[in-house]
N, C-alpha and C. Protein backbone atom coordinates (compact mmCIF):
# COMPACT_ATOMS: atom_id res chain seq x y z
N UNK A 1 19.36 -105.10 91.33
CA UNK A 1 20.00 -106.48 92.01
C UNK A 1 20.98 -105.95 92.92
N UNK A 2 21.56 -104.99 92.35
CA UNK A 2 22.89 -104.36 93.33
C UNK A 2 22.46 -103.84 94.68
N UNK A 3 21.32 -103.00 94.50
CA UNK A 3 20.61 -102.65 95.70
C UNK A 3 20.39 -103.48 96.75
N UNK A 4 19.97 -104.64 96.39
CA UNK A 4 19.39 -105.63 97.34
C UNK A 4 20.61 -106.39 97.77
N UNK A 5 21.65 -106.50 96.96
CA UNK A 5 22.61 -107.50 97.34
C UNK A 5 23.55 -106.70 98.59
N UNK A 6 23.70 -105.44 98.30
CA UNK A 6 24.55 -104.56 99.49
C UNK A 6 23.75 -104.45 100.59
N UNK A 7 22.48 -105.07 100.94
CA UNK A 7 21.66 -105.00 101.89
C UNK A 7 21.92 -106.35 102.67
N UNK A 8 22.31 -107.46 101.97
CA UNK A 8 22.36 -108.68 102.64
C UNK A 8 23.78 -108.89 103.52
N UNK A 9 24.64 -107.98 103.79
CA UNK A 9 25.59 -107.96 104.73
C UNK A 9 26.78 -108.50 103.84
N UNK A 10 27.95 -108.67 104.68
CA UNK A 10 29.30 -108.94 104.33
C UNK A 10 29.38 -110.21 103.85
N UNK A 11 28.45 -111.04 104.28
CA UNK A 11 28.33 -112.51 103.93
C UNK A 11 28.22 -112.76 102.19
N UNK A 12 27.58 -111.88 101.78
CA UNK A 12 27.32 -111.76 100.24
C UNK A 12 28.16 -110.92 99.55
N UNK A 13 29.33 -110.64 99.97
CA UNK A 13 30.38 -109.65 99.26
C UNK A 13 30.86 -110.27 98.04
N UNK A 14 31.13 -111.65 98.02
CA UNK A 14 31.76 -111.95 96.74
C UNK A 14 30.58 -111.81 95.67
N UNK A 15 29.42 -111.86 95.86
CA UNK A 15 28.42 -111.70 94.72
C UNK A 15 28.26 -110.09 94.41
N UNK A 16 28.50 -109.29 95.54
CA UNK A 16 28.39 -107.96 95.20
C UNK A 16 29.83 -107.55 94.34
N UNK A 17 30.87 -108.00 94.87
CA UNK A 17 32.07 -107.74 93.97
C UNK A 17 32.11 -108.11 92.55
N UNK A 18 31.23 -109.30 92.22
CA UNK A 18 31.33 -109.58 90.64
C UNK A 18 30.36 -108.62 90.12
N UNK A 19 29.20 -108.19 90.79
CA UNK A 19 28.01 -107.42 90.15
C UNK A 19 29.01 -105.84 90.06
N UNK A 20 29.65 -105.47 90.72
CA UNK A 20 30.43 -104.11 90.82
C UNK A 20 31.58 -104.32 89.69
N UNK A 21 32.17 -105.54 89.58
CA UNK A 21 33.23 -105.75 88.58
C UNK A 21 32.60 -105.57 87.35
N UNK A 22 31.39 -106.01 86.81
CA UNK A 22 30.99 -105.93 85.42
C UNK A 22 30.11 -104.89 85.07
N UNK A 23 29.48 -104.31 86.22
CA UNK A 23 28.79 -102.97 85.95
C UNK A 23 29.61 -101.63 85.54
N UNK A 24 29.34 -101.02 84.77
CA UNK A 24 29.66 -99.75 84.23
C UNK A 24 29.42 -98.65 85.72
N UNK A 25 30.77 -97.75 85.79
CA UNK A 25 30.58 -96.88 86.82
C UNK A 25 29.57 -95.94 86.96
N UNK A 26 28.81 -95.91 85.76
CA UNK A 26 27.50 -94.68 85.63
C UNK A 26 26.42 -95.54 86.34
N UNK A 27 26.42 -96.85 86.05
CA UNK A 27 25.25 -97.48 86.74
C UNK A 27 25.08 -97.85 88.17
N UNK A 28 26.46 -97.35 88.74
CA UNK A 28 26.47 -97.48 90.27
C UNK A 28 25.61 -96.39 90.92
N UNK A 29 25.55 -95.26 90.05
CA UNK A 29 24.59 -94.08 90.64
C UNK A 29 23.09 -94.24 90.48
N UNK A 30 22.75 -95.31 89.94
CA UNK A 30 21.31 -95.45 89.74
C UNK A 30 20.45 -95.73 90.76
N UNK A 31 19.23 -95.41 90.88
CA UNK A 31 18.28 -95.17 92.07
C UNK A 31 17.38 -96.41 92.00
N UNK A 32 17.02 -96.81 93.05
CA UNK A 32 16.02 -97.93 93.23
C UNK A 32 14.54 -97.30 93.07
N UNK A 33 13.48 -98.01 93.33
CA UNK A 33 12.08 -97.72 93.33
C UNK A 33 11.73 -96.48 94.53
N UNK A 34 12.80 -96.76 95.60
CA UNK A 34 12.50 -95.76 96.85
C UNK A 34 13.54 -94.55 96.66
N UNK A 35 14.04 -94.34 95.40
CA UNK A 35 14.87 -93.25 95.16
C UNK A 35 16.35 -93.42 95.89
N UNK A 36 16.67 -94.37 96.35
CA UNK A 36 17.96 -94.66 97.06
C UNK A 36 18.86 -95.31 96.15
N UNK A 37 20.32 -94.96 96.17
CA UNK A 37 21.56 -95.64 95.44
C UNK A 37 22.04 -96.75 96.23
N UNK A 38 22.87 -97.55 95.53
CA UNK A 38 23.32 -98.65 96.00
C UNK A 38 24.14 -98.41 97.32
N UNK A 39 24.80 -97.37 97.18
CA UNK A 39 25.70 -96.78 98.33
C UNK A 39 24.96 -96.26 99.48
N UNK A 40 24.06 -95.75 99.37
CA UNK A 40 22.93 -95.31 100.52
C UNK A 40 22.56 -96.45 101.07
N UNK A 41 22.06 -97.68 100.41
CA UNK A 41 21.67 -98.85 101.04
C UNK A 41 22.49 -99.93 101.99
N UNK A 42 23.91 -99.64 101.12
CA UNK A 42 25.11 -100.36 101.91
C UNK A 42 25.20 -99.39 103.26
N UNK A 43 25.41 -98.19 103.30
CA UNK A 43 25.65 -97.52 104.31
C UNK A 43 24.40 -97.65 105.40
N UNK A 44 23.42 -97.65 105.01
CA UNK A 44 22.09 -97.78 105.90
C UNK A 44 22.03 -99.20 106.49
N UNK A 45 22.81 -100.49 105.84
CA UNK A 45 22.44 -101.70 106.23
C UNK A 45 23.92 -101.95 107.18
N UNK A 46 24.88 -100.90 107.17
CA UNK A 46 25.98 -101.13 108.06
C UNK A 46 27.26 -102.20 107.18
N UNK A 47 26.88 -102.18 105.90
CA UNK A 47 27.97 -103.03 105.09
C UNK A 47 29.04 -102.09 104.85
N UNK A 48 30.19 -102.10 105.37
CA UNK A 48 31.17 -101.20 105.27
C UNK A 48 31.96 -101.54 104.10
N UNK A 49 32.20 -103.05 104.01
CA UNK A 49 33.01 -103.51 102.80
C UNK A 49 32.29 -103.08 101.52
N UNK A 50 30.87 -103.20 101.56
CA UNK A 50 30.27 -102.72 100.39
C UNK A 50 30.51 -101.21 99.79
N UNK A 51 30.73 -100.50 101.04
CA UNK A 51 30.73 -98.88 100.95
C UNK A 51 32.02 -98.63 100.31
N UNK A 52 32.99 -99.16 100.85
CA UNK A 52 34.26 -99.02 100.38
C UNK A 52 34.46 -99.39 98.85
N UNK A 53 34.05 -100.67 98.56
CA UNK A 53 33.99 -101.25 97.30
C UNK A 53 33.40 -100.12 96.26
N UNK A 54 32.24 -99.60 96.52
CA UNK A 54 31.29 -98.70 95.57
C UNK A 54 32.15 -97.37 95.47
N UNK A 55 32.72 -96.94 96.56
CA UNK A 55 33.65 -95.49 96.41
C UNK A 55 34.71 -95.97 95.75
N UNK A 56 35.42 -97.02 95.70
CA UNK A 56 36.65 -97.33 95.08
C UNK A 56 36.42 -97.24 93.71
N UNK A 57 35.17 -97.82 93.17
CA UNK A 57 34.88 -98.12 91.98
C UNK A 57 34.28 -96.71 91.00
N UNK A 58 33.66 -96.02 91.93
CA UNK A 58 33.13 -94.67 91.39
C UNK A 58 33.58 -93.61 92.68
N UNK A 59 34.72 -93.14 92.66
CA UNK A 59 34.85 -91.98 93.70
C UNK A 59 33.94 -90.72 93.65
N UNK A 60 33.00 -90.72 92.46
CA UNK A 60 32.15 -89.36 92.66
C UNK A 60 31.04 -89.60 93.39
N UNK A 61 30.69 -90.83 93.79
CA UNK A 61 29.49 -91.11 94.58
C UNK A 61 29.24 -90.58 95.67
N UNK A 62 30.01 -90.25 96.65
CA UNK A 62 30.08 -89.50 97.94
C UNK A 62 29.70 -88.17 97.75
N UNK A 63 29.98 -87.55 96.44
CA UNK A 63 29.78 -86.29 96.20
C UNK A 63 28.18 -85.97 95.99
N UNK A 64 27.51 -85.91 97.14
CA UNK A 64 25.83 -86.11 97.01
C UNK A 64 25.47 -84.36 97.13
N UNK A 65 26.32 -83.52 97.85
CA UNK A 65 26.06 -82.35 98.23
C UNK A 65 26.60 -81.69 97.63
N UNK A 66 25.96 -80.50 96.73
CA UNK A 66 26.69 -79.65 95.66
C UNK A 66 26.91 -78.27 96.71
N UNK A 67 27.94 -77.50 95.88
CA UNK A 67 28.31 -76.31 96.86
C UNK A 67 26.99 -75.30 96.78
N UNK A 68 27.03 -74.56 97.88
CA UNK A 68 25.89 -73.76 98.13
C UNK A 68 25.94 -72.48 97.08
N UNK A 69 27.38 -71.93 96.75
CA UNK A 69 27.48 -71.24 95.82
C UNK A 69 28.28 -71.59 94.49
N UNK A 70 27.56 -71.60 93.45
CA UNK A 70 27.90 -71.86 92.10
C UNK A 70 28.87 -70.50 91.47
N UNK A 71 30.11 -70.79 91.31
CA UNK A 71 31.13 -70.02 90.95
C UNK A 71 31.07 -69.80 89.30
N UNK A 72 30.70 -68.57 88.90
CA UNK A 72 30.33 -68.60 87.20
C UNK A 72 31.92 -68.79 86.60
N UNK A 73 31.64 -69.75 85.59
CA UNK A 73 32.92 -70.00 84.86
C UNK A 73 33.48 -71.26 85.22
N UNK A 74 33.20 -71.80 86.58
CA UNK A 74 33.91 -72.91 87.20
C UNK A 74 35.30 -72.75 87.74
N UNK A 75 35.74 -73.74 87.87
CA UNK A 75 37.27 -73.57 88.63
C UNK A 75 38.11 -74.35 87.91
N UNK A 76 39.40 -73.93 87.96
CA UNK A 76 40.71 -74.73 87.11
C UNK A 76 40.51 -76.24 87.58
N UNK A 77 40.85 -77.19 86.94
CA UNK A 77 40.82 -78.47 87.35
C UNK A 77 42.04 -78.73 88.03
N UNK A 78 43.10 -78.16 87.82
CA UNK A 78 44.40 -78.71 88.60
C UNK A 78 44.57 -77.92 89.70
N UNK A 79 44.25 -76.73 89.77
CA UNK A 79 44.49 -75.87 90.99
C UNK A 79 43.32 -75.44 91.87
N UNK A 80 41.88 -75.49 91.11
CA UNK A 80 40.82 -75.12 91.97
C UNK A 80 40.60 -73.78 92.02
N UNK A 81 41.43 -72.95 91.39
CA UNK A 81 41.22 -71.54 91.31
C UNK A 81 40.11 -71.16 90.44
N UNK A 82 39.29 -70.33 90.53
CA UNK A 82 38.35 -69.81 89.60
C UNK A 82 38.81 -69.32 88.26
N UNK A 83 38.17 -69.77 87.22
CA UNK A 83 38.70 -69.34 85.93
C UNK A 83 38.55 -67.94 85.57
N UNK A 84 37.71 -67.25 86.18
CA UNK A 84 37.68 -65.87 85.95
C UNK A 84 38.21 -64.84 87.10
N UNK A 85 39.18 -65.59 87.92
CA UNK A 85 39.63 -65.09 89.09
C UNK A 85 40.20 -63.49 88.54
N UNK A 86 40.81 -63.47 87.67
CA UNK A 86 41.42 -61.91 87.19
C UNK A 86 40.41 -61.15 86.73
N UNK A 87 39.35 -61.36 86.43
CA UNK A 87 38.11 -60.58 86.07
C UNK A 87 37.65 -59.55 86.78
N UNK A 88 37.56 -58.35 86.56
CA UNK A 88 37.09 -57.26 87.63
C UNK A 88 35.58 -57.52 87.87
N UNK A 89 34.98 -58.16 86.97
CA UNK A 89 33.52 -58.58 86.96
C UNK A 89 33.27 -59.74 88.17
N UNK A 90 34.43 -60.37 88.18
CA UNK A 90 34.21 -61.57 89.05
C UNK A 90 34.44 -61.01 90.62
N UNK A 91 35.33 -60.11 90.63
CA UNK A 91 35.81 -59.51 91.93
C UNK A 91 34.44 -58.83 92.67
N UNK A 92 33.77 -58.20 91.74
CA UNK A 92 32.52 -57.41 91.81
C UNK A 92 31.40 -58.63 92.40
N UNK A 93 31.50 -59.67 91.52
CA UNK A 93 30.55 -60.83 92.10
C UNK A 93 30.88 -61.20 93.49
N UNK A 94 32.06 -61.59 93.46
CA UNK A 94 32.59 -62.25 94.88
C UNK A 94 32.31 -61.45 96.00
N UNK A 95 32.52 -60.16 95.86
CA UNK A 95 32.35 -59.20 97.11
C UNK A 95 30.86 -58.90 97.23
N UNK A 96 30.01 -58.83 96.35
CA UNK A 96 28.67 -58.39 96.25
C UNK A 96 27.87 -59.76 96.95
N UNK A 97 28.26 -60.89 96.29
CA UNK A 97 27.74 -62.01 96.93
C UNK A 97 27.93 -62.16 98.34
N UNK A 98 29.10 -61.99 99.04
CA UNK A 98 29.53 -62.06 100.33
C UNK A 98 28.64 -60.89 101.12
N UNK A 99 28.57 -59.64 100.62
CA UNK A 99 27.80 -58.72 101.12
C UNK A 99 26.49 -58.76 101.19
N UNK A 100 25.83 -59.46 100.28
CA UNK A 100 24.48 -59.81 100.25
C UNK A 100 24.15 -61.07 101.51
N UNK A 101 25.06 -61.67 101.55
CA UNK A 101 24.93 -62.88 102.31
C UNK A 101 24.82 -62.27 103.85
N UNK A 102 25.98 -61.68 104.08
CA UNK A 102 26.27 -60.89 105.41
C UNK A 102 24.98 -60.12 106.02
N UNK A 103 24.39 -59.48 104.83
CA UNK A 103 23.32 -58.24 105.13
C UNK A 103 22.25 -58.86 105.43
N UNK A 104 21.78 -60.12 104.50
CA UNK A 104 20.43 -60.54 104.58
C UNK A 104 20.53 -61.67 106.19
N UNK A 105 21.63 -62.05 106.80
CA UNK A 105 21.80 -62.60 108.05
C UNK A 105 21.34 -61.55 108.83
N UNK A 106 22.20 -60.43 108.88
CA UNK A 106 21.72 -59.25 109.69
C UNK A 106 20.42 -58.97 109.83
N UNK A 107 19.67 -58.83 108.44
CA UNK A 107 18.34 -58.58 108.64
C UNK A 107 17.57 -59.43 109.36
N UNK A 108 17.71 -60.54 109.19
CA UNK A 108 17.14 -61.75 110.03
C UNK A 108 17.14 -61.62 111.15
N UNK A 109 18.40 -61.41 111.53
CA UNK A 109 18.70 -61.19 113.32
C UNK A 109 17.86 -59.96 113.64
N UNK A 110 17.86 -58.81 113.27
CA UNK A 110 17.41 -57.69 113.71
C UNK A 110 15.57 -58.11 113.62
N UNK A 111 15.07 -58.62 112.36
CA UNK A 111 14.01 -59.06 112.65
C UNK A 111 13.33 -59.95 113.82
N UNK A 112 14.32 -60.90 114.06
CA UNK A 112 13.99 -61.64 115.34
C UNK A 112 14.21 -60.99 116.65
N UNK A 113 14.97 -60.10 116.72
CA UNK A 113 15.06 -59.09 117.73
C UNK A 113 13.81 -58.36 118.02
N UNK A 114 13.09 -57.94 116.88
CA UNK A 114 11.90 -57.30 117.09
C UNK A 114 10.92 -58.33 117.55
N UNK A 115 10.69 -59.54 117.11
CA UNK A 115 9.98 -60.42 117.63
C UNK A 115 10.10 -61.01 119.10
N UNK A 116 11.19 -60.87 119.56
CA UNK A 116 11.54 -61.31 120.78
C UNK A 116 11.84 -60.08 121.74
N UNK A 117 11.32 -58.95 121.27
CA UNK A 117 11.26 -57.68 122.22
C UNK A 117 10.40 -57.71 123.42
N UNK A 118 10.52 -56.93 124.35
CA UNK A 118 9.45 -56.94 125.59
C UNK A 118 8.09 -56.15 125.26
N UNK A 119 8.20 -55.29 124.10
CA UNK A 119 7.09 -54.61 123.73
C UNK A 119 6.52 -53.89 124.65
N UNK A 120 7.26 -53.21 125.69
CA UNK A 120 7.04 -52.04 126.58
C UNK A 120 6.67 -50.90 125.85
N UNK A 121 6.34 -49.93 126.55
CA UNK A 121 5.84 -48.70 126.10
C UNK A 121 7.17 -48.14 125.55
N UNK A 122 8.36 -48.03 126.25
CA UNK A 122 9.58 -47.31 125.81
C UNK A 122 10.30 -47.97 124.52
N UNK A 123 9.83 -49.35 124.23
CA UNK A 123 10.18 -49.95 122.90
C UNK A 123 9.41 -49.56 122.00
N UNK A 124 8.13 -49.35 122.05
CA UNK A 124 7.36 -48.84 120.64
C UNK A 124 8.01 -47.44 120.49
N UNK A 125 8.41 -46.35 121.24
CA UNK A 125 8.79 -45.30 121.25
C UNK A 125 10.11 -45.16 120.43
N UNK A 126 10.97 -45.94 120.77
CA UNK A 126 12.52 -45.84 120.24
C UNK A 126 12.97 -47.18 119.79
N UNK A 127 12.95 -48.13 120.61
CA UNK A 127 14.00 -49.37 120.23
C UNK A 127 13.01 -50.03 118.86
N UNK A 128 11.93 -50.56 119.01
CA UNK A 128 11.24 -51.17 117.94
C UNK A 128 11.31 -50.43 116.44
N UNK A 129 10.96 -49.15 116.51
CA UNK A 129 11.13 -48.40 115.17
C UNK A 129 12.53 -48.35 114.83
N UNK A 130 13.45 -48.31 115.65
CA UNK A 130 14.95 -48.20 115.14
C UNK A 130 15.18 -49.77 114.55
N UNK A 131 14.98 -50.68 115.07
CA UNK A 131 15.28 -52.10 114.72
C UNK A 131 14.71 -52.22 113.31
N UNK A 132 13.28 -51.73 113.20
CA UNK A 132 12.56 -51.87 111.97
C UNK A 132 13.25 -51.30 110.92
N UNK A 133 13.90 -49.98 111.19
CA UNK A 133 14.78 -49.28 110.12
C UNK A 133 15.72 -49.98 109.79
N UNK A 134 16.37 -50.24 110.87
CA UNK A 134 17.94 -51.01 110.18
C UNK A 134 17.40 -52.27 109.64
N UNK A 135 16.21 -52.92 109.87
CA UNK A 135 15.89 -54.10 109.27
C UNK A 135 15.73 -53.94 107.81
N UNK A 136 14.74 -52.85 107.51
CA UNK A 136 14.44 -52.23 106.21
C UNK A 136 15.69 -52.14 105.40
N UNK A 137 16.52 -51.59 106.17
CA UNK A 137 17.89 -51.07 105.18
C UNK A 137 18.79 -51.98 105.11
N UNK A 138 18.95 -52.87 105.86
CA UNK A 138 19.92 -54.24 105.74
C UNK A 138 19.09 -54.87 104.56
N UNK A 139 18.15 -55.12 104.73
CA UNK A 139 17.19 -56.08 103.58
C UNK A 139 17.18 -55.37 102.32
N UNK A 140 17.26 -54.06 102.14
CA UNK A 140 17.42 -53.47 100.96
C UNK A 140 18.58 -53.38 100.34
N UNK A 141 19.55 -53.35 101.15
CA UNK A 141 21.20 -53.54 100.69
C UNK A 141 21.25 -55.00 100.17
N UNK A 142 20.88 -55.89 100.89
CA UNK A 142 20.81 -57.42 100.76
C UNK A 142 20.43 -57.60 99.32
N UNK A 143 19.15 -57.12 99.21
CA UNK A 143 18.72 -57.51 97.49
C UNK A 143 19.42 -56.68 96.56
N UNK A 144 20.02 -55.58 96.84
CA UNK A 144 20.64 -54.91 95.73
C UNK A 144 22.03 -55.51 95.38
N UNK A 145 22.79 -55.83 96.50
CA UNK A 145 24.03 -56.82 96.54
C UNK A 145 23.70 -58.06 95.59
N UNK A 146 22.82 -58.64 95.92
CA UNK A 146 22.34 -60.00 95.24
C UNK A 146 22.23 -59.68 93.90
N UNK A 147 21.21 -58.62 93.61
CA UNK A 147 21.24 -58.24 91.96
C UNK A 147 22.52 -57.91 91.49
N UNK A 148 23.50 -57.13 92.16
CA UNK A 148 24.62 -56.95 91.62
C UNK A 148 25.42 -58.31 91.19
N UNK A 149 25.51 -59.16 92.33
CA UNK A 149 26.33 -60.30 91.95
C UNK A 149 25.54 -61.34 90.89
N UNK A 150 24.21 -60.97 90.52
CA UNK A 150 23.48 -61.77 89.43
C UNK A 150 23.98 -61.06 88.33
N UNK A 151 24.08 -59.81 88.12
CA UNK A 151 24.32 -59.15 87.04
C UNK A 151 26.03 -59.37 86.61
N UNK A 152 26.73 -59.50 87.72
CA UNK A 152 28.14 -59.62 87.44
C UNK A 152 28.38 -61.07 86.86
N UNK A 153 27.75 -62.12 87.29
CA UNK A 153 27.81 -63.29 86.69
C UNK A 153 27.26 -63.65 85.38
N UNK A 154 26.06 -62.90 85.23
CA UNK A 154 25.62 -63.03 83.66
C UNK A 154 26.57 -62.23 82.89
N UNK A 155 27.24 -60.85 83.33
CA UNK A 155 28.25 -60.53 82.06
C UNK A 155 29.46 -61.29 82.02
N UNK A 156 30.07 -61.99 82.94
CA UNK A 156 30.88 -62.87 82.74
C UNK A 156 30.74 -64.03 82.01
N UNK A 157 29.45 -64.57 81.74
CA UNK A 157 29.06 -65.58 80.80
C UNK A 157 28.71 -65.12 79.68
N UNK A 158 27.88 -64.12 79.39
CA UNK A 158 27.42 -63.63 78.16
C UNK A 158 27.81 -62.21 77.81
N UNK A 159 28.57 -61.53 78.49
CA UNK A 159 28.74 -60.10 78.29
C UNK A 159 29.41 -59.74 76.86
N UNK A 160 30.38 -60.59 76.50
CA UNK A 160 31.19 -60.34 75.23
C UNK A 160 30.34 -60.88 74.11
N UNK A 161 29.47 -61.93 74.24
CA UNK A 161 28.88 -62.47 73.04
C UNK A 161 27.32 -62.02 72.80
N UNK A 162 26.73 -61.91 73.53
CA UNK A 162 25.19 -61.65 73.62
C UNK A 162 24.71 -60.51 74.27
N UNK A 163 25.11 -59.35 73.59
CA UNK A 163 24.66 -58.06 74.34
C UNK A 163 23.36 -57.94 74.75
N UNK A 164 22.40 -58.31 73.80
CA UNK A 164 20.94 -58.17 74.29
C UNK A 164 20.33 -58.96 75.31
N UNK A 165 20.84 -60.26 75.42
CA UNK A 165 20.73 -60.93 76.72
C UNK A 165 21.19 -60.22 77.95
N UNK A 166 22.18 -59.67 77.91
CA UNK A 166 22.78 -58.98 78.85
C UNK A 166 21.81 -57.79 79.35
N UNK A 167 21.59 -57.12 78.25
CA UNK A 167 20.85 -55.72 78.47
C UNK A 167 19.28 -56.22 79.23
N UNK A 168 18.77 -57.29 78.64
CA UNK A 168 17.65 -57.64 79.06
C UNK A 168 17.64 -58.31 80.44
N UNK A 169 18.65 -59.02 80.95
CA UNK A 169 18.42 -59.59 82.25
C UNK A 169 19.10 -58.45 83.39
N UNK A 170 19.84 -57.57 82.79
CA UNK A 170 20.21 -56.67 83.79
C UNK A 170 19.04 -55.45 84.08
N UNK A 171 18.13 -55.46 82.88
CA UNK A 171 16.96 -54.63 83.12
C UNK A 171 16.04 -55.48 84.40
N UNK A 172 15.97 -56.72 84.11
CA UNK A 172 15.09 -57.74 85.05
C UNK A 172 15.47 -57.57 86.35
N UNK A 173 17.01 -57.44 86.55
CA UNK A 173 17.60 -57.56 87.76
C UNK A 173 17.13 -56.32 88.66
N UNK A 174 16.84 -55.12 87.82
CA UNK A 174 16.59 -53.99 88.84
C UNK A 174 15.07 -54.01 89.10
N UNK A 175 14.15 -54.80 88.71
CA UNK A 175 13.04 -55.07 89.20
C UNK A 175 12.68 -55.18 90.56
N UNK A 176 13.27 -56.39 91.21
CA UNK A 176 13.22 -56.41 92.49
C UNK A 176 13.75 -55.09 93.47
N UNK A 177 14.45 -54.47 93.08
CA UNK A 177 15.17 -53.35 93.61
C UNK A 177 14.08 -52.28 93.52
N UNK A 178 13.81 -52.15 92.40
CA UNK A 178 12.70 -51.07 92.17
C UNK A 178 11.27 -51.36 93.08
N UNK A 179 10.74 -52.60 92.76
CA UNK A 179 9.62 -52.99 93.72
C UNK A 179 9.79 -52.71 95.26
N UNK A 180 11.10 -53.16 95.62
CA UNK A 180 11.00 -53.02 97.19
C UNK A 180 11.12 -51.62 97.40
N UNK A 181 11.77 -50.80 96.60
CA UNK A 181 11.72 -49.43 97.05
C UNK A 181 10.20 -48.43 96.87
N UNK A 182 9.61 -49.07 95.96
CA UNK A 182 8.13 -48.68 95.86
C UNK A 182 7.38 -49.11 97.03
N UNK A 183 7.39 -50.42 97.38
CA UNK A 183 6.83 -50.93 98.54
C UNK A 183 7.13 -50.28 99.87
N UNK A 184 8.43 -50.04 100.13
CA UNK A 184 8.88 -50.10 101.51
C UNK A 184 9.45 -48.51 101.90
N UNK A 185 9.88 -47.89 100.79
CA UNK A 185 10.48 -46.74 101.03
C UNK A 185 9.59 -45.73 101.64
N UNK A 186 8.17 -45.58 101.27
CA UNK A 186 7.46 -44.62 102.06
C UNK A 186 7.51 -45.01 103.44
N UNK A 187 7.34 -46.35 103.83
CA UNK A 187 7.20 -46.78 105.45
C UNK A 187 8.58 -46.46 105.91
N UNK A 188 9.63 -46.50 105.20
CA UNK A 188 10.93 -46.30 105.71
C UNK A 188 11.23 -44.87 106.23
N UNK A 189 10.91 -43.91 105.17
CA UNK A 189 10.75 -42.37 105.48
C UNK A 189 10.03 -41.83 106.56
N UNK A 190 8.83 -42.74 106.76
CA UNK A 190 7.93 -42.35 107.77
C UNK A 190 8.64 -42.69 109.09
N UNK A 191 9.03 -43.85 109.21
CA UNK A 191 9.79 -44.44 110.31
C UNK A 191 10.89 -43.40 110.74
N UNK A 192 11.75 -43.20 109.75
CA UNK A 192 13.00 -42.08 110.16
C UNK A 192 12.46 -41.07 110.50
N UNK A 193 11.29 -40.23 109.81
CA UNK A 193 10.96 -39.16 110.27
C UNK A 193 10.52 -39.06 111.78
N UNK A 194 9.60 -40.28 112.29
CA UNK A 194 8.82 -40.16 113.53
C UNK A 194 9.86 -40.43 114.49
N UNK A 195 10.86 -41.24 114.31
CA UNK A 195 11.98 -41.73 115.27
C UNK A 195 13.06 -40.73 115.38
N UNK A 196 13.45 -40.25 114.29
CA UNK A 196 14.71 -39.16 114.40
C UNK A 196 14.29 -37.62 114.23
N UNK A 197 13.23 -37.52 113.63
CA UNK A 197 12.62 -36.10 113.55
C UNK A 197 12.12 -35.23 114.62
N UNK A 198 11.85 -34.22 114.44
CA UNK A 198 11.26 -33.40 115.60
C UNK A 198 9.81 -34.01 116.17
N UNK A 199 9.65 -34.30 117.43
CA UNK A 199 8.38 -34.71 117.82
C UNK A 199 7.36 -33.37 118.20
N UNK A 200 6.39 -33.71 118.89
CA UNK A 200 5.44 -32.70 119.16
C UNK A 200 5.98 -31.50 120.12
N UNK A 201 7.22 -31.82 120.99
CA UNK A 201 7.76 -30.89 121.83
C UNK A 201 9.14 -30.53 121.06
N UNK A 202 9.22 -30.73 119.82
CA UNK A 202 10.30 -30.43 119.33
C UNK A 202 11.79 -31.12 119.68
N UNK A 203 11.78 -32.40 120.04
CA UNK A 203 12.95 -33.18 120.33
C UNK A 203 12.95 -34.09 119.43
N UNK A 204 14.13 -34.75 119.43
CA UNK A 204 14.28 -36.01 118.41
C UNK A 204 15.36 -36.87 118.96
N UNK A 205 15.57 -38.01 118.46
CA UNK A 205 16.24 -39.07 119.41
C UNK A 205 17.41 -39.36 118.48
N UNK A 206 18.97 -39.32 118.74
CA UNK A 206 19.99 -39.44 118.33
C UNK A 206 20.67 -40.83 118.69
N UNK A 207 20.12 -41.70 119.57
CA UNK A 207 20.70 -42.98 120.08
C UNK A 207 20.41 -43.99 118.83
N UNK A 208 21.24 -44.93 118.96
CA UNK A 208 21.34 -46.17 118.00
C UNK A 208 20.34 -47.21 118.69
N UNK A 209 20.51 -48.35 117.70
CA UNK A 209 19.78 -49.47 118.83
C UNK A 209 20.03 -49.80 120.00
N UNK A 210 19.11 -49.95 120.69
CA UNK A 210 19.13 -50.49 122.22
C UNK A 210 18.34 -51.58 122.43
C-alpha cells in the first residue's frame, strides 16, 4: 500500500505519513512485485516530501550501493578505521589488492592498444609482440597479487582458529597462478625470445613499447 501511496503525489502525504508512522523501519525496505522499494517509487514519481520522510524514518535506505572492496574484519564503528589495520597481514592485503587493481587496468589498456594498432609490417615485427609480452606479464602479476590479497584476507579471518581451512584455501589460491603459468608461459618465452633474442642475422631489439 505504501508503494502506491507515495506515487499519488504530495496531495496524499497525510496518508503516507500515517503509514510510515505505524510501519516498522524494516518494512520500509520491502519491495513490491516489480522489485522496487517505496523510496524508489517516491523518487521516480517526484514526491520529494515522501522521499525525505522515508529517509528520516530509516536513514539506511539510501545506502543502495555497497563498497566495491570489502575490508576483512570490517571497520570500527566510531572512527571508520579497519579493525585489522595494525596487522601485517592487513597491510599485505591492502598493498596486494591495490597492485592487482592497477596491474589489471594496465593489462586491459595494453590489450586495447593491440586491438587499435595499425597492423603494419613493422608493428608485427616489434610493437605488437612487445605489447603482448607486457600484457601477459601484467596480467600474470595481477592474478598473483589478487591471490595474495585473497590469502591475506583468509589469514586475517581464519588464520589463528582453523589452520586446516587456511591451508586448503591457500592451496586453492595457487591454482589460478599455476594454471596461468602452464597455459601462457610457453607463449611468453617464445615471444621474448623471438622479439629480444638474436634473429636470423644475429640482431636483437632493445627498445621498449612504441
